[in-house]
Amino acid sequence: MQYAMLICGDDREWAALSPADEEDAMQRIYAWFERWQPAGKVGNGVELQPRETAKTVRSGANGKPVVTDGPYVELKEVVGSVILLECADMDEAVEVAASWPLGPGMSAVEVRPVTSREEG
């Protein structure tokens, strides 16, 4: 079964890292992928650009879209990356997610089952 692993945190903390600290964090992330990819537990993933680059689209009162810059301003933590996991069940997905190298800009990992809809 597929699960989405959402890496959440304050992306401003990540942006404030020194080049050496960022390289250290990336080496820990690469090691995590090297551990789980050969086991077939990790699928595709994406790293998102900072919140300042985001646009949010909502339905306006007249039914037309309203576009605003970024996510909610008062949010401290945002989703910074999404990784697909291939695991037998939620317990295994949580085990994989729990080994993620948390650090500056990455304070929490959320795991959610992916819904599959088949046409028919």
Foldseek 3Di string as FASTA:
>chain_A
DKKKKFFKFQVVQVVPDDPVVNVVLVVLQVVLCVVCVVVQFWDDKDFADDQQQDKDWDQDPVRDIDIDRGDPPPDRMDGGMMIMTDDPDPVVVVVSSVSRDADGRGDDIDMGGDDDDDDD
